[in-house]
Amino acid sequence: MTCDRSSEPGAMFFRDEQAADLYEAFQSLDYRERDMLSKHLGFCPECFATRDKGGKPLEKWTYTDLMLHYGLSSPDTVEKACEKALEKMRKKTG
């Protein structure tokens, strides 16, 4: 049987630290990178919610949708931009 450790002070501390690191890494991206990632992954770039006020999951945009939105040349270009942004975040969080 697995014990729920989510309310233990140590677990809460490390979860909060991880969230702060991710927030900082996300905020270090430029506006377009933040917008692309949040739309593609389906979360609000301001409050990080994954559901709308009605409780429905936020839509996850495809690379094709993002390509059309940003007027880029191909879905591959969007994918590369998203991967580059994620790599920047990985480097920032160490």
Protein backbone atom coordinates (compact mmCIF):
# COMPACT_ATOMS: atom_id res chain seq x y z
CA MET A 1 0.00 0.00 0.00
CA THR A 2 1.35 3.41 -1.02
CA CYS A 3 1.11 6.23 1.42
CA ASP A 4 0.09 9.73 0.26
CA ARG A 5 3.01 11.99 1.13
CA SER A 6 1.66 15.11 -0.59
CA SER A 7 1.03 16.93 2.69
CA GLU A 8 4.38 16.11 4.31
CA PRO A 9 6.41 19.30 4.84
CA GLY A 10 9.46 17.95 3.00
CA ALA A 11 7.44 16.86 -0.03
CA MET A 12 5.59 20.17 -0.07
CA PHE A 13 8.86 22.10 0.10
CA PHE A 14 10.41 20.26 -2.85
CA ARG A 15 7.19 20.47 -4.90
CA ASP A 16 7.05 24.24 -4.29
CA GLU A 17 10.73 24.63 -5.21
CA GLN A 18 10.20 22.66 -8.41
CA ALA A 19 7.16 24.77 -9.29
CA ALA A 20 9.12 27.98 -8.68
CA ASP A 21 11.97 26.76 -10.90
CA LEU A 22 9.56 25.82 -13.69
CA TYR A 23 7.75 29.15 -13.41
CA GLU A 24 11.05 31.05 -13.62
CA ALA A 25 12.21 28.98 -16.61
CA PHE A 26 8.89 29.50 -18.41
CA GLN A 27 8.95 33.25 -17.72
CA SER A 28 12.49 33.47 -19.14
CA LEU A 29 11.14 32.53 -22.58
CA ASP A 30 10.06 35.26 -24.95
CA TYR A 31 6.35 35.95 -25.45
CA ARG A 32 6.03 33.89 -28.62
CA GLU A 33 7.76 30.86 -27.09
CA ARG A 34 5.52 31.03 -24.01
CA ASP A 35 2.42 31.43 -26.16
CA MET A 36 3.33 28.53 -28.47
CA LEU A 37 4.17 26.16 -25.64
CA SER A 38 1.11 26.97 -23.60
CA LYS A 39 -1.22 26.61 -26.59
CA HIS A 40 0.43 23.36 -27.72
CA LEU A 41 0.45 21.83 -24.22
CA GLY A 42 -3.00 23.15 -23.30
CA PHE A 43 -2.51 25.50 -20.36
CA CYS A 44 -3.01 29.18 -19.60
CA PRO A 45 0.32 31.05 -19.82
CA GLU A 46 -0.76 33.45 -17.08
CA CYS A 47 -2.26 31.24 -14.36
CA PHE A 48 -1.14 27.80 -15.64
CA ALA A 49 -4.70 26.41 -15.42
CA THR A 50 -5.41 23.42 -17.65
CA ARG A 51 -9.20 23.85 -17.56
CA ASP A 52 -11.52 26.70 -18.45
CA LYS A 53 -14.03 28.24 -16.04
CA GLY A 54 -16.58 25.60 -17.05
CA GLY A 55 -14.21 22.78 -16.09
CA LYS A 56 -13.42 21.71 -19.66
CA PRO A 57 -9.80 20.95 -20.53
CA LEU A 58 -8.15 23.71 -22.55
CA GLU A 59 -7.65 22.84 -26.19
CA LYS A 60 -4.19 21.64 -27.19
CA TRP A 61 -3.21 23.28 -30.46
CA THR A 62 -1.56 21.17 -33.14
CA TYR A 63 1.65 22.26 -34.83
CA THR A 64 -0.45 22.94 -37.94
CA ASP A 65 -2.81 25.22 -35.98
CA LEU A 66 0.16 27.11 -34.56
CA MET A 67 1.78 27.33 -38.00
CA LEU A 68 -1.35 29.00 -39.38
CA HIS A 69 -1.71 31.27 -36.33
CA TYR A 70 1.87 32.53 -36.58
CA GLY A 71 2.15 32.45 -40.39
CA LEU A 72 5.09 30.08 -40.34
CA SER A 73 6.27 27.90 -43.22
CA SER A 74 5.53 24.43 -41.88
CA PRO A 75 4.42 22.44 -38.84
CA ASP A 76 8.05 21.25 -38.55
CA THR A 77 9.13 24.85 -37.99
CA VAL A 78 6.69 25.14 -35.08
CA GLU A 79 7.82 21.81 -33.63
CA LYS A 80 11.45 22.95 -33.75
CA ALA A 81 10.51 26.25 -32.05
CA CYS A 82 8.67 24.37 -29.28
CA GLU A 83 11.55 21.94 -28.80
CA LYS A 84 14.01 24.85 -28.65
CA ALA A 85 11.87 26.57 -25.99
CA LEU A 86 11.67 23.37 -23.94
CA GLU A 87 15.44 22.96 -24.18
CA LYS A 88 15.89 26.53 -22.91
CA MET A 89 13.69 25.64 -19.95
CA ARG A 90 15.65 22.43 -19.27
CA LYS A 91 18.92 24.38 -19.22
CA LYS A 92 17.42 27.01 -16.93
CA THR A 93 16.20 24.41 -14.40
CA GLY A 94 19.50 22.55 -14.47
